[in-house]
């Protein structure tokens, strides 16, 4: 599941994996579960850590990446600023192709997709 959001800094829509910011005291896996439900309207029965990544050397941000499996639909509950978010359900192969050709440019999403594909034996 990919989410499309308008990124003002880029002046274009960006296709990304569901993601969000940790709340005070929140564990990364709990945040991933919450964001998947809020943004994509999905929940997963199985979760695997794909490790962490950093977007740039200019910040201290660390991204916790997860592979969510055995998905089922739930009610979406996007935040106010996410109301215009667009959802796209695509195969992993299609998402990897979009990452490799540049349609998906969000670096953390490209990293998450590559790690998921490797974990699943797709690359």
PDB file of N, CA and C in Angstrom:
ATOM      1  N   UNK A   1       0.854  -1.168   0.000  1.00  0.00           N
ATOM      2  CA  UNK A   1       0.000   0.000   0.000  1.00  0.00           C
ATOM      3  C   UNK A   1       0.900   1.232   0.000  1.00  0.00           C
ATOM      4  N   UNK A   2       0.678   2.116  -0.948  1.00  0.00           N
ATOM      5  CA  UNK A   2       1.407   3.377  -1.011  1.00  0.00           C
ATOM      6  C   UNK A   2       0.439   4.517  -0.740  1.00  0.00           C
ATOM      7  N   UNK A   3       0.970   5.573  -0.152  1.00  0.00           N
ATOM      8  CA  UNK A   3       0.174   6.773   0.076  1.00  0.00           C
ATOM      9  C   UNK A   3       0.798   7.913  -0.713  1.00  0.00           C
ATOM     10  N   UNK A   4      -0.050   8.715  -1.312  1.00  0.00           N
ATOM     11  CA  UNK A   4       0.416   9.866  -2.063  1.00  0.00           C
ATOM     12  C   UNK A   4       0.124  11.132  -1.286  1.00  0.00           C
ATOM     13  N   UNK A   5       1.161  11.945  -1.121  1.00  0.00           N
ATOM     14  CA  UNK A   5       1.005  13.204  -0.407  1.00  0.00           C
ATOM     15  C   UNK A   5       1.690  14.312  -1.190  1.00  0.00           C
ATOM     16  N   UNK A   6       1.084  15.478  -1.162  1.00  0.00           N
ATOM     17  CA  UNK A   6       1.700  16.638  -1.791  1.00  0.00           C
ATOM     18  C   UNK A   6       2.838  17.100  -0.889  1.00  0.00           C
ATOM     19  N   UNK A   7       4.027  17.207  -1.457  1.00  0.00           N
ATOM     20  CA  UNK A   7       5.198  17.679  -0.720  1.00  0.00           C
ATOM     21  C   UNK A   7       5.533  19.075  -1.225  1.00  0.00           C
ATOM     22  N   UNK A   8       5.211  20.058  -0.396  1.00  0.00           N
ATOM     23  CA  UNK A   8       5.390  21.452  -0.809  1.00  0.00           C
ATOM     24  C   UNK A   8       6.839  21.762  -1.167  1.00  0.00           C
ATOM     25  N   UNK A   9       7.795  21.224  -0.425  1.00  0.00           N
ATOM     26  CA  UNK A   9       9.205  21.500  -0.708  1.00  0.00           C
ATOM     27  C   UNK A   9       9.606  21.018  -2.099  1.00  0.00           C
ATOM     28  N   UNK A  10       8.936  19.984  -2.592  1.00  0.00           N
ATOM     29  CA  UNK A  10       9.253  19.423  -3.905  1.00  0.00           C
ATOM     30  C   UNK A  10       8.322  19.933  -4.993  1.00  0.00           C
ATOM     31  N   UNK A  11       7.217  20.559  -4.594  1.00  0.00           N
ATOM     32  CA  UNK A  11       6.181  21.022  -5.527  1.00  0.00           C
ATOM     33  C   UNK A  11       5.626  19.864  -6.372  1.00  0.00           C
ATOM     34  N   UNK A  12       5.454  18.731  -5.742  1.00  0.00           N
ATOM     35  CA  UNK A  12       4.874  17.577  -6.426  1.00  0.00           C
ATOM     36  C   UNK A  12       4.365  16.562  -5.411  1.00  0.00           C
ATOM     37  N   UNK A  13       3.568  15.637  -5.923  1.00  0.00           N
ATOM     38  CA  UNK A  13       3.065  14.554  -5.082  1.00  0.00           C
ATOM     39  C   UNK A  13       4.145  13.491  -4.945  1.00  0.00           C
ATOM     40  N   UNK A  14       4.234  12.926  -3.765  1.00  0.00           N
ATOM     41  CA  UNK A  14       5.211  11.894  -3.478  1.00  0.00           C
ATOM     42  C   UNK A  14       4.496  10.608  -3.097  1.00  0.00           C
ATOM     43  N   UNK A  15       4.924   9.485  -3.698  1.00  0.00           N
ATOM     44  CA  UNK A  15       4.395   8.174  -3.331  1.00  0.00           C
ATOM     45  C   UNK A  15       5.308   7.576  -2.281  1.00  0.00           C
ATOM     46  N   UNK A  16       4.700   7.155  -1.162  1.00  0.00           N
ATOM     47  CA  UNK A  16       5.475   6.700  -0.013  1.00  0.00           C
ATOM     48  C   UNK A  16       4.787   5.536   0.674  1.00  0.00           C
ATOM     49  N   UNK A  17       5.560   4.786   1.460  1.00  0.00           N
ATOM     50  CA  UNK A  17       4.959   3.796   2.348  1.00  0.00           C
ATOM     51  C   UNK A  17       4.346   4.571   3.519  1.00  0.00           C
ATOM     52  N   UNK A  18       3.297   4.037   4.144  1.00  0.00           N
ATOM     53  CA  UNK A  18       2.734   4.721   5.309  1.00  0.00           C
ATOM     54  C   UNK A  18       3.804   4.938   6.376  1.00  0.00           C
ATOM     55  N   UNK A  19       3.808   6.116   6.963  1.00  0.00           N
ATOM     56  CA  UNK A  19       4.837   6.462   7.952  1.00  0.00           C
ATOM     57  C   UNK A  19       4.324   7.569   8.849  1.00  0.00           C
ATOM     58  N   UNK A  20       5.040   7.795   9.923  1.00  0.00           N
ATOM     59  CA  UNK A  20       4.649   8.872  10.818  1.00  0.00           C
ATOM     60  C   UNK A  20       5.703   9.138  11.863  1.00  0.00           C
ATOM     61  N   UNK A  21       5.357   9.990  12.779  1.00  0.00           N
ATOM     62  CA  UNK A  21       6.267  10.428  13.822  1.00  0.00           C
ATOM     63  C   UNK A  21       5.905   9.764  15.141  1.00  0.00           C
ATOM     64  N   UNK A  22       6.927   9.310  15.842  1.00  0.00           N
ATOM     65  CA  UNK A  22       6.719   8.718  17.161  1.00  0.00           C
ATOM     66  C   UNK A  22       6.133   9.744  18.120  1.00  0.00           C
ATOM     67  N   UNK A  23       5.131   9.325  18.859  1.00  0.00           N
ATOM     68  CA  UNK A  23       4.602  10.173  19.917  1.00  0.00           C
ATOM     69  C   UNK A  23       5.478   9.992  21.155  1.00  0.00           C
ATOM     70  N   UNK A  24       5.417  10.932  22.084  1.00  0.00           N
ATOM     71  CA  UNK A  24       6.218  10.878  23.298  1.00  0.00           C
ATOM     72  C   UNK A  24       6.080   9.524  23.986  1.00  0.00           C
ATOM     73  N   UNK A  25       7.206   8.818  24.170  1.00  0.00           N
ATOM     74  CA  UNK A  25       7.219   7.530  24.852  1.00  0.00           C
ATOM     75  C   UNK A  25       6.728   6.352  24.035  1.00  0.00           C
ATOM     76  N   UNK A  26       6.364   6.559  22.782  1.00  0.00           N
ATOM     77  CA  UNK A  26       5.814   5.489  21.947  1.00  0.00           C
ATOM     78  C   UNK A  26       6.918   4.594  21.388  1.00  0.00           C
ATOM     79  N   UNK A  27       6.659   3.304  21.353  1.00  0.00           N
ATOM     80  CA  UNK A  27       7.587   2.348  20.752  1.00  0.00           C
ATOM     81  C   UNK A  27       7.439   2.395  19.227  1.00  0.00           C
ATOM     82  N   UNK A  28       8.546   2.212  18.490  1.00  0.00           N
ATOM     83  CA  UNK A  28       8.474   2.270  17.024  1.00  0.00           C
ATOM     84  C   UNK A  28       7.464   1.320  16.401  1.00  0.00           C
ATOM     85  N   UNK A  29       7.358   0.086  16.888  1.00  0.00           N
ATOM     86  CA  UNK A  29       6.400  -0.851  16.300  1.00  0.00           C
ATOM     87  C   UNK A  29       4.968  -0.380  16.527  1.00  0.00           C
ATOM     88  N   UNK A  30       4.672   0.140  17.689  1.00  0.00           N
ATOM     89  CA  UNK A  30       3.329   0.663  17.959  1.00  0.00           C
ATOM     90  C   UNK A  30       3.019   1.809  17.004  1.00  0.00           C
ATOM     91  N   UNK A  31       3.988   2.677  16.779  1.00  0.00           N
ATOM     92  CA  UNK A  31       3.811   3.789  15.844  1.00  0.00           C
ATOM     93  C   UNK A  31       3.526   3.261  14.436  1.00  0.00           C
ATOM     94  N   UNK A  32       4.269   2.244  14.006  1.00  0.00           N
ATOM     95  CA  UNK A  32       4.059   1.682  12.668  1.00  0.00           C
ATOM     96  C   UNK A  32       2.655   1.117  12.530  1.00  0.00           C
ATOM     97  N   UNK A  33       2.191   0.420  13.547  1.00  0.00           N
ATOM     98  CA  UNK A  33       0.840  -0.141  13.520  1.00  0.00           C
ATOM     99  C   UNK A  33      -0.208   0.962  13.461  1.00  0.00           C
ATOM    100  N   UNK A  34      -0.022   1.989  14.264  1.00  0.00           N
ATOM    101  CA  UNK A  34      -0.958   3.118  14.309  1.00  0.00           C
ATOM    102  C   UNK A  34      -1.004   3.833  12.963  1.00  0.00           C
ATOM    103  N   UNK A  35       0.144   4.103  12.395  1.00  0.00           N
ATOM    104  CA  UNK A  35       0.206   4.839  11.129  1.00  0.00           C
ATOM    105  C   UNK A  35      -0.370   4.029   9.972  1.00  0.00           C
ATOM    106  N   UNK A  36      -0.143   2.725   9.953  1.00  0.00           N
ATOM    107  CA  UNK A  36      -0.715   1.895   8.897  1.00  0.00           C
ATOM    108  C   UNK A  36      -2.242   1.959   8.938  1.00  0.00           C
ATOM    109  N   UNK A  37      -2.805   1.911  10.136  1.00  0.00           N
ATOM    110  CA  UNK A  37      -4.264   1.990  10.274  1.00  0.00           C
ATOM    111  C   UNK A  37      -4.771   3.382   9.918  1.00  0.00           C
ATOM    112  N   UNK A  38      -4.129   4.418  10.469  1.00  0.00           N
ATOM    113  CA  UNK A  38      -4.581   5.793  10.222  1.00  0.00           C
ATOM    114  C   UNK A  38      -4.508   6.156   8.746  1.00  0.00           C
ATOM    115  N   UNK A  39      -3.364   5.923   8.129  1.00  0.00           N
ATOM    116  CA  UNK A  39      -3.137   6.388   6.764  1.00  0.00           C
ATOM    117  C   UNK A  39      -3.698   5.460   5.699  1.00  0.00           C
ATOM    118  N   UNK A  40      -3.513   4.157   5.881  1.00  0.00           N
ATOM    119  CA  UNK A  40      -3.875   3.215   4.825  1.00  0.00           C
ATOM    120  C   UNK A  40      -5.138   2.427   5.112  1.00  0.00           C
ATOM    121  N   UNK A  41      -5.653   2.513   6.336  1.00  0.00           N
ATOM    122  CA  UNK A  41      -6.833   1.734   6.669  1.00  0.00           C
ATOM    123  C   UNK A  41      -6.558   0.243   6.652  1.00  0.00           C
ATOM    124  N   UNK A  42      -5.388  -0.145   7.135  1.00  0.00           N
ATOM    125  CA  UNK A  42      -4.987  -1.549   7.153  1.00  0.00           C
ATOM    126  C   UNK A  42      -4.414  -1.897   8.519  1.00  0.00           C
ATOM    127  N   UNK A  43      -4.544  -3.187   8.865  1.00  0.00           N
ATOM    128  CA  UNK A  43      -3.833  -3.706  10.020  1.00  0.00           C
ATOM    129  C   UNK A  43      -3.165  -5.001   9.581  1.00  0.00           C
ATOM    130  N   UNK A  44      -2.106  -5.368  10.280  1.00  0.00           N
ATOM    131  CA  UNK A  44      -1.345  -6.564   9.907  1.00  0.00           C
ATOM    132  C   UNK A  44      -1.295  -7.538  11.067  1.00  0.00           C
ATOM    133  N   UNK A  45      -1.381  -8.823  10.743  1.00  0.00           N
ATOM    134  CA  UNK A  45      -1.278  -9.860  11.770  1.00  0.00           C
ATOM    135  C   UNK A  45       0.172 -10.205  12.064  1.00  0.00           C
ATOM    136  N   UNK A  46       1.080  -9.900  11.131  1.00  0.00           N
ATOM    137  CA  UNK A  46       2.492 -10.237  11.305  1.00  0.00           C
ATOM    138  C   UNK A  46       3.360  -9.033  10.955  1.00  0.00           C
ATOM    139  N   UNK A  47       4.339  -8.783  11.782  1.00  0.00           N
ATOM    140  CA  UNK A  47       5.267  -7.657  11.593  1.00  0.00           C
ATOM    141  C   UNK A  47       6.698  -8.150  11.715  1.00  0.00           C
ATOM    142  N   UNK A  48       7.560  -7.659  10.821  1.00  0.00           N
ATOM    143  CA  UNK A  48       8.988  -7.965  10.886  1.00  0.00           C
ATOM    144  C   UNK A  48       9.767  -6.675  10.788  1.00  0.00           C
ATOM    145  N   UNK A  49      10.753  -6.526  11.646  1.00  0.00           N
ATOM    146  CA  UNK A  49      11.623  -5.355  11.557  1.00  0.00           C
ATOM    147  C   UNK A  49      12.517  -5.482  10.333  1.00  0.00           C
ATOM    148  N   UNK A  50      12.659  -4.387   9.615  1.00  0.00           N
ATOM    149  CA  UNK A  50      13.587  -4.303   8.489  1.00  0.00           C
ATOM    150  C   UNK A  50      14.767  -3.406   8.849  1.00  0.00           C
ATOM    151  N   UNK A  51      14.928  -3.148  10.150  1.00  0.00           N
ATOM    152  CA  UNK A  51      16.039  -2.323  10.611  1.00  0.00           C
ATOM    153  C   UNK A  51      15.710  -0.844  10.587  1.00  0.00           C
ATOM    154  N   UNK A  52      16.736  -0.048  10.645  1.00  0.00           N
ATOM    155  CA  UNK A  52      16.572   1.401  10.641  1.00  0.00           C
ATOM    156  C   UNK A  52      17.309   1.997   9.454  1.00  0.00           C
ATOM    157  N   UNK A  53      16.986   3.238   9.165  1.00  0.00           N
ATOM    158  CA  UNK A  53      17.650   3.977   8.091  1.00  0.00           C
ATOM    159  C   UNK A  53      17.687   5.448   8.480  1.00  0.00           C
ATOM    160  N   UNK A  54      18.542   6.170   7.832  1.00  0.00           N
ATOM    161  CA  UNK A  54      18.631   7.622   8.032  1.00  0.00           C
ATOM    162  C   UNK A  54      18.499   8.283   6.673  1.00  0.00           C
ATOM    163  N   UNK A  55      17.748   9.394   6.622  1.00  0.00           N
ATOM    164  CA  UNK A  55      17.478  10.048   5.352  1.00  0.00           C
ATOM    165  C   UNK A  55      18.599  10.923   4.853  1.00  0.00           C
ATOM    166  N   UNK A  56      19.326  11.540   5.772  1.00  0.00           N
ATOM    167  CA  UNK A  56      20.380  12.474   5.388  1.00  0.00           C
ATOM    168  C   UNK A  56      21.338  12.664   6.552  1.00  0.00           C
ATOM    169  N   UNK A  57      22.546  13.021   6.243  1.00  0.00           N
ATOM    170  CA  UNK A  57      23.529  13.281   7.295  1.00  0.00           C
ATOM    171  C   UNK A  57      23.299  14.647   7.953  1.00  0.00           C
ATOM    172  N   UNK A  58      22.371  15.427   7.417  1.00  0.00           N
ATOM    173  CA  UNK A  58      22.109  16.764   7.936  1.00  0.00           C
ATOM    174  C   UNK A  58      21.166  16.764   9.135  1.00  0.00           C
ATOM    175  N   UNK A  59      20.549  15.604   9.454  1.00  0.00           N
ATOM    176  CA  UNK A  59      19.638  15.525  10.593  1.00  0.00           C
ATOM    177  C   UNK A  59      19.972  14.290  11.425  1.00  0.00           C
ATOM    178  N   UNK A  60      19.374  14.227  12.601  1.00  0.00           N
ATOM    179  CA  UNK A  60      19.574  13.072  13.478  1.00  0.00           C
ATOM    180  C   UNK A  60      18.431  12.072  13.368  1.00  0.00           C
ATOM    181  N   UNK A  61      17.511  12.282  12.453  1.00  0.00           N
ATOM    182  CA  UNK A  61      16.348  11.401  12.316  1.00  0.00           C
ATOM    183  C   UNK A  61      16.751   9.965  12.013  1.00  0.00           C
ATOM    184  N   UNK A  62      16.078   9.046  12.669  1.00  0.00           N
ATOM    185  CA  UNK A  62      16.259   7.615  12.413  1.00  0.00           C
ATOM    186  C   UNK A  62      14.884   7.055  12.073  1.00  0.00           C
ATOM    187  N   UNK A  63      14.803   6.310  10.982  1.00  0.00           N
ATOM    188  CA  UNK A  63      13.557   5.711  10.545  1.00  0.00           C
ATOM    189  C   UNK A  63      13.567   4.222  10.886  1.00  0.00           C
ATOM    190  N   UNK A  64      12.499   3.751  11.511  1.00  0.00           N
ATOM    191  CA  UNK A  64      12.339   2.346  11.849  1.00  0.00           C
ATOM    192  C   UNK A  64      11.446   1.732  10.772  1.00  0.00           C
ATOM    193  N   UNK A  65      11.957   0.738  10.075  1.00  0.00           N
ATOM    194  CA  UNK A  65      11.258   0.147   8.938  1.00  0.00           C
ATOM    195  C   UNK A  65      10.699  -1.215   9.314  1.00  0.00           C
ATOM    196  N   UNK A  66       9.477  -1.490   8.838  1.00  0.00           N
ATOM    197  CA  UNK A  66       8.816  -2.757   9.133  1.00  0.00           C
ATOM    198  C   UNK A  66       8.172  -3.327   7.890  1.00  0.00           C
ATOM    199  N   UNK A  67       8.114  -4.645   7.841  1.00  0.00           N
ATOM    200  CA  UNK A  67       7.351  -5.364   6.829  1.00  0.00           C
ATOM    201  C   UNK A  67       6.072  -5.836   7.500  1.00  0.00           C
ATOM    202  N   UNK A  68       4.952  -5.359   7.016  1.00  0.00           N
ATOM    203  CA  UNK A  68       3.635  -5.731   7.557  1.00  0.00           C
ATOM    204  C   UNK A  68       3.032  -6.775   6.626  1.00  0.00           C
ATOM    205  N   UNK A  69       2.581  -7.894   7.203  1.00  0.00           N
ATOM    206  CA  UNK A  69       2.029  -8.987   6.399  1.00  0.00           C
ATOM    207  C   UNK A  69       0.681  -9.422   6.950  1.00  0.00           C
ATOM    208  N   UNK A  70      -0.041 -10.192   6.142  1.00  0.00           N
ATOM    209  CA  UNK A  70      -1.365 -10.678   6.502  1.00  0.00           C
ATOM    210  C   UNK A  70      -2.282  -9.488   6.822  1.00  0.00           C
ATOM    211  N   UNK A  71      -2.434  -8.639   5.824  1.00  0.00           N
ATOM    212  CA  UNK A  71      -3.181  -7.394   5.974  1.00  0.00           C
ATOM    213  C   UNK A  71      -4.685  -7.600   5.892  1.00  0.00           C
ATOM    214  N   UNK A  72      -5.392  -6.822   6.681  1.00  0.00           N
ATOM    215  CA  UNK A  72      -6.853  -6.733   6.604  1.00  0.00           C
ATOM    216  C   UNK A  72      -7.230  -5.261   6.687  1.00  0.00           C
ATOM    217  N   UNK A  73      -8.379  -4.950   6.129  1.00  0.00           N
ATOM    218  CA  UNK A  73      -8.841  -3.556   6.117  1.00  0.00           C
ATOM    219  C   UNK A  73      -9.503  -3.172   7.438  1.00  0.00           C
ATOM    220  N   UNK A  74      -9.267  -1.923   7.829  1.00  0.00           N
ATOM    221  CA  UNK A  74      -9.918  -1.307   8.987  1.00  0.00           C
ATOM    222  C   UNK A  74     -10.301   0.106   8.577  1.00  0.00           C
ATOM    223  N   UNK A  75     -11.057   0.784   9.412  1.00  0.00           N
ATOM    224  CA  UNK A  75     -11.425   2.169   9.113  1.00  0.00           C
ATOM    225  C   UNK A  75     -10.197   3.062   9.155  1.00  0.00           C
ATOM    226  N   UNK A  76     -10.058   3.908   8.136  1.00  0.00           N
ATOM    227  CA  UNK A  76      -8.979   4.905   8.125  1.00  0.00           C
ATOM    228  C   UNK A  76      -9.306   6.014   9.108  1.00  0.00           C
ATOM    229  N   UNK A  77      -8.274   6.603   9.659  1.00  0.00           N
ATOM    230  CA  UNK A  77      -8.441   7.738  10.562  1.00  0.00           C
ATOM    231  C   UNK A  77      -7.303   8.727  10.335  1.00  0.00           C
ATOM    232  N   UNK A  78      -7.227   9.290   9.117  1.00  0.00           N
ATOM    233  CA  UNK A  78      -6.116  10.196   8.830  1.00  0.00           C
ATOM    234  C   UNK A  78      -6.194  11.474   9.669  1.00  0.00           C
ATOM    235  N   UNK A  79      -5.021  12.015   9.959  1.00  0.00           N
ATOM    236  CA  UNK A  79      -4.934  13.286  10.682  1.00  0.00           C
ATOM    237  C   UNK A  79      -5.492  14.380   9.764  1.00  0.00           C
ATOM    238  N   UNK A  80      -5.775  15.536  10.336  1.00  0.00           N
ATOM    239  CA  UNK A  80      -6.354  16.627   9.561  1.00  0.00           C
ATOM    240  C   UNK A  80      -5.561  16.989   8.324  1.00  0.00           C
ATOM    241  N   UNK A  81      -4.240  17.044   8.451  1.00  0.00           N
ATOM    242  CA  UNK A  81      -3.400  17.415   7.314  1.00  0.00           C
ATOM    243  C   UNK A  81      -3.235  16.277   6.307  1.00  0.00           C
ATOM    244  N   UNK A  82      -3.782  15.102   6.626  1.00  0.00           N
ATOM    245  CA  UNK A  82      -3.685  13.954   5.731  1.00  0.00           C
ATOM    246  C   UNK A  82      -4.979  13.686   4.969  1.00  0.00           C
ATOM    247  N   UNK A  83      -5.940  14.572   5.068  1.00  0.00           N
ATOM    248  CA  UNK A  83      -7.246  14.351   4.457  1.00  0.00           C
ATOM    249  C   UNK A  83      -7.174  14.218   2.942  1.00  0.00           C
ATOM    250  N   UNK A  84      -6.171  14.839   2.327  1.00  0.00           N
ATOM    251  CA  UNK A  84      -6.055  14.758   0.863  1.00  0.00           C
ATOM    252  C   UNK A  84      -5.123  13.629   0.415  1.00  0.00           C
ATOM    253  N   UNK A  85      -4.721  12.790   1.353  1.00  0.00           N
ATOM    254  CA  UNK A  85      -3.834  11.668   1.041  1.00  0.00           C
ATOM    255  C   UNK A  85      -4.547  10.691   0.104  1.00  0.00           C
ATOM    256  N   UNK A  86      -3.829  10.217  -0.906  1.00  0.00           N
ATOM    257  CA  UNK A  86      -4.351   9.279  -1.893  1.00  0.00           C
ATOM    258  C   UNK A  86      -3.730   7.911  -1.623  1.00  0.00           C
ATOM    259  N   UNK A  87      -4.542   6.862  -1.725  1.00  0.00           N
ATOM    260  CA  UNK A  87      -4.044   5.501  -1.518  1.00  0.00           C
ATOM    261  C   UNK A  87      -3.905   4.768  -2.841  1.00  0.00           C
ATOM    262  N   UNK A  88      -2.857   3.955  -2.954  1.00  0.00           N
ATOM    263  CA  UNK A  88      -2.666   3.078  -4.122  1.00  0.00           C
ATOM    264  C   UNK A  88      -2.222   1.718  -3.633  1.00  0.00           C
ATOM    265  N   UNK A  89      -2.980   0.708  -3.990  1.00  0.00           N
ATOM    266  CA  UNK A  89      -2.582  -0.658  -3.674  1.00  0.00           C
ATOM    267  C   UNK A  89      -1.844  -1.201  -4.892  1.00  0.00           C
ATOM    268  N   UNK A  90      -0.571  -1.519  -4.722  1.00  0.00           N
ATOM    269  CA  UNK A  90       0.258  -2.009  -5.826  1.00  0.00           C
ATOM    270  C   UNK A  90       1.019  -3.245  -5.355  1.00  0.00           C
ATOM    271  N   UNK A  91       1.412  -4.056  -6.306  1.00  0.00           N
ATOM    272  CA  UNK A  91       2.237  -5.223  -5.966  1.00  0.00           C
ATOM    273  C   UNK A  91       3.633  -4.739  -5.582  1.00  0.00           C
ATOM    274  N   UNK A  92       4.330  -5.570  -4.835  1.00  0.00           N
ATOM    275  CA  UNK A  92       5.706  -5.222  -4.469  1.00  0.00           C
ATOM    276  C   UNK A  92       6.565  -5.065  -5.718  1.00  0.00           C
ATOM    277  N   UNK A  93       6.365  -5.922  -6.701  1.00  0.00           N
ATOM    278  CA  UNK A  93       7.139  -5.831  -7.948  1.00  0.00           C
ATOM    279  C   UNK A  93       6.912  -4.484  -8.638  1.00  0.00           C
ATOM    280  N   UNK A  94       5.658  -4.027  -8.667  1.00  0.00           N
ATOM    281  CA  UNK A  94       5.350  -2.730  -9.287  1.00  0.00           C
ATOM    282  C   UNK A  94       5.979  -1.591  -8.496  1.00  0.00           C
ATOM    283  N   UNK A  95       5.906  -1.664  -7.179  1.00  0.00           N
ATOM    284  CA  UNK A  95       6.498  -0.609  -6.353  1.00  0.00           C
ATOM    285  C   UNK A  95       8.014  -0.555  -6.534  1.00  0.00           C
ATOM    286  N   UNK A  96       8.657  -1.714  -6.594  1.00  0.00           N
ATOM    287  CA  UNK A  96      10.106  -1.752  -6.819  1.00  0.00           C
ATOM    288  C   UNK A  96      10.440  -1.143  -8.181  1.00  0.00           C
ATOM    289  N   UNK A  97       9.657  -1.480  -9.199  1.00  0.00           N
ATOM    290  CA  UNK A  97       9.883  -0.914 -10.534  1.00  0.00           C
ATOM    291  C   UNK A  97       9.763   0.612 -10.500  1.00  0.00           C
ATOM    292  N   UNK A  98       8.756   1.114  -9.791  1.00  0.00           N
ATOM    293  CA  UNK A  98       8.582   2.570  -9.681  1.00  0.00           C
ATOM    294  C   UNK A  98       9.734   3.213  -8.923  1.00  0.00           C
ATOM    295  N   UNK A  99      10.260   2.520  -7.930  1.00  0.00           N
ATOM    296  CA  UNK A  99      11.414   3.044  -7.200  1.00  0.00           C
ATOM    297  C   UNK A  99      12.657   3.065  -8.093  1.00  0.00           C
ATOM    298  N   UNK A 100      12.838   2.020  -8.881  1.00  0.00           N
ATOM    299  CA  UNK A 100      14.026   1.933  -9.729  1.00  0.00           C
ATOM    300  C   UNK A 100      13.981   2.901 -10.905  1.00  0.00           C
ATOM    301  N   UNK A 101      12.769   3.240 -11.368  1.00  0.00           N
ATOM    302  CA  UNK A 101      12.661   4.159 -12.504  1.00  0.00           C
ATOM    303  C   UNK A 101      12.509   5.620 -12.072  1.00  0.00           C
ATOM    304  N   UNK A 102      12.383   5.855 -10.768  1.00  0.00           N
ATOM    305  CA  UNK A 102      12.308   7.221 -10.275  1.00  0.00           C
ATOM    306  C   UNK A 102      10.919   7.758 -10.040  1.00  0.00           C
ATOM    307  N   UNK A 103       9.877   6.982 -10.311  1.00  0.00           N
ATOM    308  CA  UNK A 103       8.530   7.479 -10.005  1.00  0.00           C
ATOM    309  C   UNK A 103       8.370   7.635  -8.502  1.00  0.00           C
ATOM    310  N   UNK A 104       8.934   6.700  -7.735  1.00  0.00           N
ATOM    311  CA  UNK A 104       9.005   6.843  -6.289  1.00  0.00           C
ATOM    312  C   UNK A 104      10.388   7.393  -5.979  1.00  0.00           C
ATOM    313  N   UNK A 105      10.422   8.596  -5.400  1.00  0.00           N
ATOM    314  CA  UNK A 105      11.688   9.259  -5.120  1.00  0.00           C
ATOM    315  C   UNK A 105      11.977   9.412  -3.632  1.00  0.00           C
ATOM    316  N   UNK A 106      10.999   9.143  -2.806  1.00  0.00           N
ATOM    317  CA  UNK A 106      11.154   9.277  -1.358  1.00  0.00           C
ATOM    318  C   UNK A 106      12.178   8.243  -0.880  1.00  0.00           C
ATOM    319  N   UNK A 107      13.338   8.700  -0.399  1.00  0.00           N
ATOM    320  CA  UNK A 107      14.470   7.818  -0.110  1.00  0.00           C
ATOM    321  C   UNK A 107      14.143   6.736   0.917  1.00  0.00           C
ATOM    322  N   UNK A 108      13.430   7.074   1.961  1.00  0.00           N
ATOM    323  CA  UNK A 108      13.107   6.072   2.972  1.00  0.00           C
ATOM    324  C   UNK A 108      12.165   5.022   2.393  1.00  0.00           C
ATOM    325  N   UNK A 109      11.248   5.424   1.530  1.00  0.00           N
ATOM    326  CA  UNK A 109      10.361   4.472   0.875  1.00  0.00           C
ATOM    327  C   UNK A 109      11.148   3.536  -0.035  1.00  0.00           C
ATOM    328  N   UNK A 110      12.075   4.069  -0.806  1.00  0.00           N
ATOM    329  CA  UNK A 110      12.910   3.230  -1.676  1.00  0.00           C
ATOM    330  C   UNK A 110      13.674   2.218  -0.824  1.00  0.00           C
ATOM    331  N   UNK A 111      14.228   2.666   0.296  1.00  0.00           N
ATOM    332  CA  UNK A 111      14.961   1.766   1.192  1.00  0.00           C
ATOM    333  C   UNK A 111      14.039   0.691   1.745  1.00  0.00           C
ATOM    334  N   UNK A 112      12.861   1.090   2.219  1.00  0.00           N
ATOM    335  CA  UNK A 112      11.910   0.125   2.791  1.00  0.00           C
ATOM    336  C   UNK A 112      11.485  -0.904   1.753  1.00  0.00           C
ATOM    337  N   UNK A 113      11.199  -0.456   0.543  1.00  0.00           N
ATOM    338  CA  UNK A 113      10.789  -1.385  -0.516  1.00  0.00           C
ATOM    339  C   UNK A 113      11.908  -2.364  -0.863  1.00  0.00           C
ATOM    340  N   UNK A 114      13.129  -1.873  -0.977  1.00  0.00           N
ATOM    341  CA  UNK A 114      14.254  -2.745  -1.310  1.00  0.00           C
ATOM    342  C   UNK A 114      14.481  -3.781  -0.215  1.00  0.00           C
ATOM    343  N   UNK A 115      14.403  -3.361   1.030  1.00  0.00           N
ATOM    344  CA  UNK A 115      14.614  -4.309   2.130  1.00  0.00           C
ATOM    345  C   UNK A 115      13.477  -5.326   2.209  1.00  0.00           C
ATOM    346  N   UNK A 116      12.251  -4.886   1.967  1.00  0.00           N
ATOM    347  CA  UNK A 116      11.118  -5.814   1.977  1.00  0.00           C
ATOM    348  C   UNK A 116      11.269  -6.834   0.853  1.00  0.00           C
ATOM    349  N   UNK A 117      11.633  -6.366  -0.323  1.00  0.00           N
ATOM    350  CA  UNK A 117      11.818  -7.267  -1.461  1.00  0.00           C
ATOM    351  C   UNK A 117      12.914  -8.286  -1.185  1.00  0.00           C
ATOM    352  N   UNK A 118      13.983  -7.844  -0.586  1.00  0.00           N
ATOM    353  CA  UNK A 118      15.066  -8.770  -0.264  1.00  0.00           C
ATOM    354  C   UNK A 118      14.600  -9.799   0.781  1.00  0.00           C
ATOM    355  N   UNK A 119      13.908  -9.335   1.807  1.00  0.00           N
ATOM    356  CA  UNK A 119      13.419 -10.245   2.858  1.00  0.00           C
ATOM    357  C   UNK A 119      12.478 -11.294   2.273  1.00  0.00           C
ATOM    358  N   UNK A 120      11.689 -10.889   1.270  1.00  0.00           N
ATOM    359  CA  UNK A 120      10.727 -11.805   0.658  1.00  0.00           C
ATOM    360  C   UNK A 120      11.326 -12.619  -0.489  1.00  0.00           C
ATOM    361  N   UNK A 121      12.615 -12.424  -0.752  1.00  0.00           N
ATOM    362  CA  UNK A 121      13.264 -13.178  -1.805  1.00  0.00           C
ATOM    363  C   UNK A 121      12.967 -12.684  -3.203  1.00  0.00           C
ATOM    364  N   UNK A 122      12.462 -11.458  -3.315  1.00  0.00           N
ATOM    365  CA  UNK A 122      12.106 -10.915  -4.634  1.00  0.00           C
ATOM    366  C   UNK A 122      13.307 -10.300  -5.352  1.00  0.00           C
ATOM    367  N   UNK A 123      14.359  -9.964  -4.607  1.00  0.00           N
ATOM    368  CA  UNK A 123      15.600  -9.457  -5.223  1.00  0.00           C
ATOM    369  C   UNK A 123      16.793 -10.020  -4.496  1.00  0.00           C
TER     370      UNK A 123
END
